[in-house]
């Protein structure tokens, strides 16, 4: 190698090293004097959101999640195939564009506070055993590594009632609960007391009730596996069994 080429190689290597170093340093405010503290950690996800792709193949979904759909660019952290294959598209630490507008409890910007998992399913077919087994393994990993509460596994429809319906009424939430994730009615709960307020119970779970009919639909898809949009006596029992051990909301509060 000539001296000129050797010098060029050294300069190029140094440039790459400098660029790598710059990408690992968090941005600093030029208005302030940098006096670093070691008392911090990375911002962590608080919720895991389950979706279905509403498409007909993993390959098509991989293409969409890396480019755009009719509404613009979209992504998710993970995609699960029919055969249980797990694909990661976005780092857990980065913000993927999967949740969109909505809320869950006191969280109103879900993309910044969640990990999104897409499941290859067109919305009309049962989820495969391989998919749910893979999902349970992935949830075990994510909740452990990121210290996400195991109860905080929700559907896209839960955070966006009326706008989204995935993962739909066919999704096996009870199977997930039996594996230790999400919530399910407590079989030991007593009957709801006189004056039990089901709307307040929906809020206590985490639902927004701004559009009550849409919220009831989201709740029924998850806990009754149907497309009902009104509450009956069985819903009062279920909602009481979901919330009877939870502390009440503060006076005047609308979200936990």
Protein backbone atom coordinates (compact mmCIF):
# COMPACT_ATOMS: atom_id res chain seq x y z
CA UNK A 1 0.00 0.00 0.00
CA UNK A 2 1.37 3.45 -0.93
CA UNK A 3 1.94 6.12 1.76
CA UNK A 4 -0.91 8.20 0.27
CA UNK A 5 -3.35 5.29 0.40
CA UNK A 6 -2.21 4.41 3.93
CA UNK A 7 -2.84 7.99 5.08
CA UNK A 8 -6.27 7.99 3.43
CA UNK A 9 -7.18 4.74 5.19
CA UNK A 10 -6.18 6.18 8.57
CA UNK A 11 -8.21 9.35 8.00
CA UNK A 12 -11.22 7.33 6.90
CA UNK A 13 -10.99 5.06 9.93
CA UNK A 14 -10.75 8.05 12.26
CA UNK A 15 -13.76 9.66 10.60
CA UNK A 16 -15.82 6.50 11.08
CA UNK A 17 -14.72 6.25 14.72
CA UNK A 18 -15.62 9.88 15.34
CA UNK A 19 -19.02 9.42 13.72
CA UNK A 20 -19.68 6.35 15.87
CA UNK A 21 -18.72 8.26 19.01
CA UNK A 22 -21.01 11.14 18.09
CA UNK A 23 -24.00 8.82 17.68
CA UNK A 24 -23.50 7.31 21.15
CA UNK A 25 -23.44 10.68 22.95
CA UNK A 26 -26.86 11.96 23.97
CA UNK A 27 -27.69 15.42 22.60
CA UNK A 28 -26.77 18.30 24.93
CA UNK A 29 -28.41 21.69 25.17
CA UNK A 30 -25.96 24.34 23.91
CA UNK A 31 -27.61 26.90 26.20
CA UNK A 32 -26.44 25.04 29.30
CA UNK A 33 -23.10 24.13 30.84
CA UNK A 34 -22.65 20.33 30.79
CA UNK A 35 -22.14 19.10 34.38
CA UNK A 36 -22.92 15.38 34.07
CA UNK A 37 -24.54 13.28 36.78
CA UNK A 38 -24.48 9.49 36.99
CA UNK A 39 -27.93 9.43 38.61
CA UNK A 40 -30.09 8.41 35.64
CA UNK A 41 -31.13 5.46 33.54
CA UNK A 42 -32.69 4.90 30.14
CA UNK A 43 -36.34 5.75 29.68
CA UNK A 44 -38.29 2.49 29.70
CA UNK A 45 -41.50 1.31 28.11
CA UNK A 46 -44.45 1.02 30.48
CA UNK A 47 -46.90 -0.87 28.25
CA UNK A 48 -46.83 -3.59 25.58
CA UNK A 49 -49.38 -3.21 22.78
CA UNK A 50 -50.56 -6.23 20.76
CA UNK A 51 -51.76 -5.75 17.17
CA UNK A 52 -52.77 -7.82 14.18
CA UNK A 53 -51.40 -6.87 10.78
CA UNK A 54 -54.66 -7.18 8.78
CA UNK A 55 -52.51 -8.38 5.88
CA UNK A 56 -52.07 -11.72 4.13
CA UNK A 57 -48.39 -12.59 4.66
CA UNK A 58 -45.35 -11.93 6.80
CA UNK A 59 -43.43 -10.66 3.81
CA UNK A 60 -46.07 -8.10 2.96
CA UNK A 61 -46.15 -6.94 6.59
CA UNK A 62 -42.36 -6.72 6.74
CA UNK A 63 -42.46 -4.50 3.67
CA UNK A 64 -45.21 -2.29 5.12
CA UNK A 65 -43.52 -1.95 8.50
CA UNK A 66 -40.31 -0.84 6.83
CA UNK A 67 -41.91 1.56 4.36
CA UNK A 68 -45.45 2.93 4.70
CA UNK A 69 -49.13 2.14 4.40
CA UNK A 70 -51.97 4.26 3.03
CA UNK A 71 -51.77 6.54 6.09
CA UNK A 72 -48.02 7.10 5.98
CA UNK A 73 -44.98 5.52 7.58
CA UNK A 74 -45.65 2.83 10.16
CA UNK A 75 -43.50 0.45 12.20
CA UNK A 76 -43.49 -1.89 15.19
CA UNK A 77 -40.81 -3.34 17.38
CA UNK A 78 -41.69 -6.97 16.60
CA UNK A 79 -43.64 -9.05 14.11
CA UNK A 80 -44.72 -12.66 14.77
CA UNK A 81 -45.25 -15.05 11.87
CA UNK A 82 -47.79 -17.87 11.55
CA UNK A 83 -45.01 -20.35 12.28
CA UNK A 84 -43.92 -18.56 15.46
CA UNK A 85 -40.93 -16.81 13.87
CA UNK A 86 -40.08 -13.57 15.69
CA UNK A 87 -38.83 -10.60 13.65
CA UNK A 88 -37.48 -7.43 15.26
CA UNK A 89 -37.73 -4.23 13.23
CA UNK A 90 -37.05 -1.48 15.80
CA UNK A 91 -34.84 -1.52 18.89
CA UNK A 92 -36.73 -1.79 22.19
CA UNK A 93 -35.15 1.50 23.26
CA UNK A 94 -36.43 3.39 20.22
CA UNK A 95 -39.87 4.83 19.52
CA UNK A 96 -41.75 2.85 16.87
CA UNK A 97 -44.84 4.22 15.10
CA UNK A 98 -47.46 1.62 15.93
CA UNK A 99 -49.96 2.99 18.46
CA UNK A 100 -51.08 6.33 17.06
CA UNK A 101 -53.57 8.57 18.84
CA UNK A 102 -55.14 7.23 22.01
CA UNK A 103 -54.63 6.76 25.74
CA UNK A 104 -54.34 4.13 28.41
CA UNK A 105 -54.85 5.24 31.98
CA UNK A 106 -52.78 8.38 32.44
CA UNK A 107 -50.60 7.74 29.36
CA UNK A 108 -51.59 9.84 26.37
CA UNK A 109 -48.65 9.30 24.03
CA UNK A 110 -48.41 5.54 23.69
CA UNK A 111 -45.72 5.41 21.00
CA UNK A 112 -43.28 6.96 23.48
CA UNK A 113 -44.25 4.65 26.34
CA UNK A 114 -44.78 1.26 24.73
CA UNK A 115 -43.39 -1.67 22.78
CA UNK A 116 -45.51 -2.72 19.80
CA UNK A 117 -45.93 -6.34 18.72
CA UNK A 118 -47.64 -7.09 15.40
CA UNK A 119 -49.03 -10.58 14.76
CA UNK A 120 -49.45 -11.85 11.19
CA UNK A 121 -53.23 -12.23 11.04
CA UNK A 122 -55.86 -10.86 8.67
CA UNK A 123 -58.40 -10.28 11.46
CA UNK A 124 -60.71 -13.10 10.35
CA UNK A 125 -58.68 -16.21 11.17
CA UNK A 126 -57.74 -17.81 14.50
CA UNK A 127 -54.27 -17.08 15.82
CA UNK A 128 -51.96 -20.10 15.57
CA UNK A 129 -50.61 -21.94 18.60
CA UNK A 130 -47.09 -21.21 17.36
CA UNK A 131 -47.84 -17.47 17.31
CA UNK A 132 -49.23 -17.39 20.84
CA UNK A 133 -46.40 -19.57 22.18
CA UNK A 134 -43.89 -17.18 20.58
CA UNK A 135 -45.78 -14.18 21.98
CA UNK A 136 -45.68 -15.61 25.49
CA UNK A 137 -41.91 -16.22 25.21
CA UNK A 138 -41.41 -12.69 23.93
CA UNK A 139 -43.56 -11.17 26.70
CA UNK A 140 -41.57 -13.10 29.29
CA UNK A 141 -38.37 -11.62 27.89
CA UNK A 142 -39.62 -8.04 27.49
CA UNK A 143 -41.36 -7.71 30.85
CA UNK A 144 -38.32 -9.16 32.63
CA UNK A 145 -35.62 -7.13 30.86
CA UNK A 146 -37.52 -3.84 30.83
CA UNK A 147 -39.37 -4.28 34.13
CA UNK A 148 -42.73 -3.70 32.48
CA UNK A 149 -45.62 -4.77 34.73
CA UNK A 150 -47.06 -8.04 33.43
CA UNK A 151 -50.55 -6.61 33.76
CA UNK A 152 -49.72 -3.88 31.24
CA UNK A 153 -50.21 -5.95 28.08
CA UNK A 154 -53.06 -4.42 26.09
CA UNK A 155 -54.60 -4.46 22.63
CA UNK A 156 -54.49 -1.67 20.09
CA UNK A 157 -58.27 -1.38 20.43
CA UNK A 158 -57.92 -0.82 24.19
CA UNK A 159 -55.97 2.41 23.72
CA UNK A 160 -57.87 3.59 20.64
CA UNK A 161 -61.56 2.57 20.97
CA UNK A 162 -63.54 3.33 17.84
CA UNK A 163 -60.41 3.89 15.77
CA UNK A 164 -58.82 0.44 15.99
CA UNK A 165 -60.23 -3.07 16.52
CA UNK A 166 -57.05 -5.20 16.58
CA UNK A 167 -56.19 -7.74 17.85
CA UNK A 168 -59.95 -8.39 17.65
CA UNK A 169 -62.44 -10.72 19.36
CA UNK A 170 -60.58 -13.89 18.27
CA UNK A 171 -57.45 -13.04 20.24
CA UNK A 172 -56.98 -15.48 23.19
CA UNK A 173 -56.59 -13.07 26.11
CA UNK A 174 -57.44 -15.79 28.67
CA UNK A 175 -54.57 -17.93 27.41
CA UNK A 176 -52.23 -14.97 27.83
CA UNK A 177 -53.55 -14.39 31.35
CA UNK A 178 -53.04 -18.04 32.26
CA UNK A 179 -49.41 -17.57 31.19
CA UNK A 180 -49.11 -14.56 33.50
CA UNK A 181 -49.85 -11.55 31.28
CA UNK A 182 -52.65 -9.01 31.11
CA UNK A 183 -55.73 -9.03 33.32
CA UNK A 184 -58.81 -11.25 33.60
CA UNK A 185 -61.89 -11.32 35.86
CA UNK A 186 -61.20 -12.66 39.34
CA UNK A 187 -63.30 -15.84 39.80
CA UNK A 188 -63.38 -15.21 43.57
CA UNK A 189 -64.99 -11.79 43.24
CA UNK A 190 -68.36 -11.33 44.97
CA UNK A 191 -71.38 -10.06 42.99
CA UNK A 192 -71.30 -6.34 42.19
CA UNK A 193 -72.79 -4.26 45.01
CA UNK A 194 -75.85 -2.03 44.63
CA UNK A 195 -74.93 1.15 42.83
CA UNK A 196 -71.88 -0.39 41.13
CA UNK A 197 -70.73 1.98 38.38
CA UNK A 198 -69.51 0.08 35.28
CA UNK A 199 -68.29 3.24 33.54
CA UNK A 200 -66.08 4.08 36.48
CA UNK A 201 -64.80 0.48 36.35
CA UNK A 202 -63.85 0.91 32.70
CA UNK A 203 -61.87 4.02 33.63
CA UNK A 204 -60.23 2.19 36.51
CA UNK A 205 -59.03 -0.55 34.15
CA UNK A 206 -57.44 2.10 31.93
CA UNK A 207 -60.00 2.82 29.21
CA UNK A 208 -60.91 6.29 28.04
CA UNK A 209 -64.69 6.77 28.17
CA UNK A 210 -64.86 9.82 25.90
CA UNK A 211 -66.66 7.63 23.35
CA UNK A 212 -68.46 5.22 25.65
CA UNK A 213 -70.02 2.97 22.99
CA UNK A 214 -66.62 2.50 21.30
CA UNK A 215 -65.01 1.75 24.67
CA UNK A 216 -67.67 -0.85 25.47
CA UNK A 217 -66.99 -2.46 22.10
CA UNK A 218 -63.23 -2.58 22.85
CA UNK A 219 -63.89 -4.02 26.32
CA UNK A 220 -66.28 -6.68 24.97
CA UNK A 221 -63.89 -7.78 22.23
CA UNK A 222 -61.26 -8.37 24.89
CA UNK A 223 -63.24 -9.85 27.76
CA UNK A 224 -66.23 -11.47 26.02
CA UNK A 225 -64.85 -12.20 22.55
CA UNK A 226 -67.71 -10.54 20.69
CA UNK A 227 -68.62 -7.26 19.00
CA UNK A 228 -71.23 -6.09 21.51
CA UNK A 229 -71.60 -2.35 22.07
CA UNK A 230 -73.84 -2.30 25.14
CA UNK A 231 -73.43 -3.56 28.71
CA UNK A 232 -75.61 -6.27 30.26
CA UNK A 233 -75.73 -7.95 33.67
CA UNK A 234 -72.87 -10.28 32.79
CA UNK A 235 -70.72 -7.24 31.97
CA UNK A 236 -71.42 -5.77 35.40
CA UNK A 237 -70.21 -9.02 36.96
CA UNK A 238 -67.09 -9.08 34.79
CA UNK A 239 -66.23 -5.42 35.35
CA UNK A 240 -66.65 -5.80 39.10
CA UNK A 241 -64.48 -8.93 39.06
CA UNK A 242 -61.81 -7.00 37.14
CA UNK A 243 -61.73 -4.06 39.54
CA UNK A 244 -62.98 -5.04 43.00
CA UNK A 245 -59.47 -5.29 44.45
CA UNK A 246 -58.26 -2.06 42.83
CA UNK A 247 -58.19 1.18 44.82
CA UNK A 248 -60.85 3.70 43.81
CA UNK A 249 -60.02 6.66 41.58
CA UNK A 250 -59.33 9.97 43.33
CA UNK A 251 -62.39 12.23 43.72
CA UNK A 252 -63.12 13.95 40.41
CA UNK A 253 -60.56 11.92 38.47
CA UNK A 254 -61.32 10.45 35.07
CA UNK A 255 -58.18 8.33 34.59
CA UNK A 256 -56.09 6.30 37.01
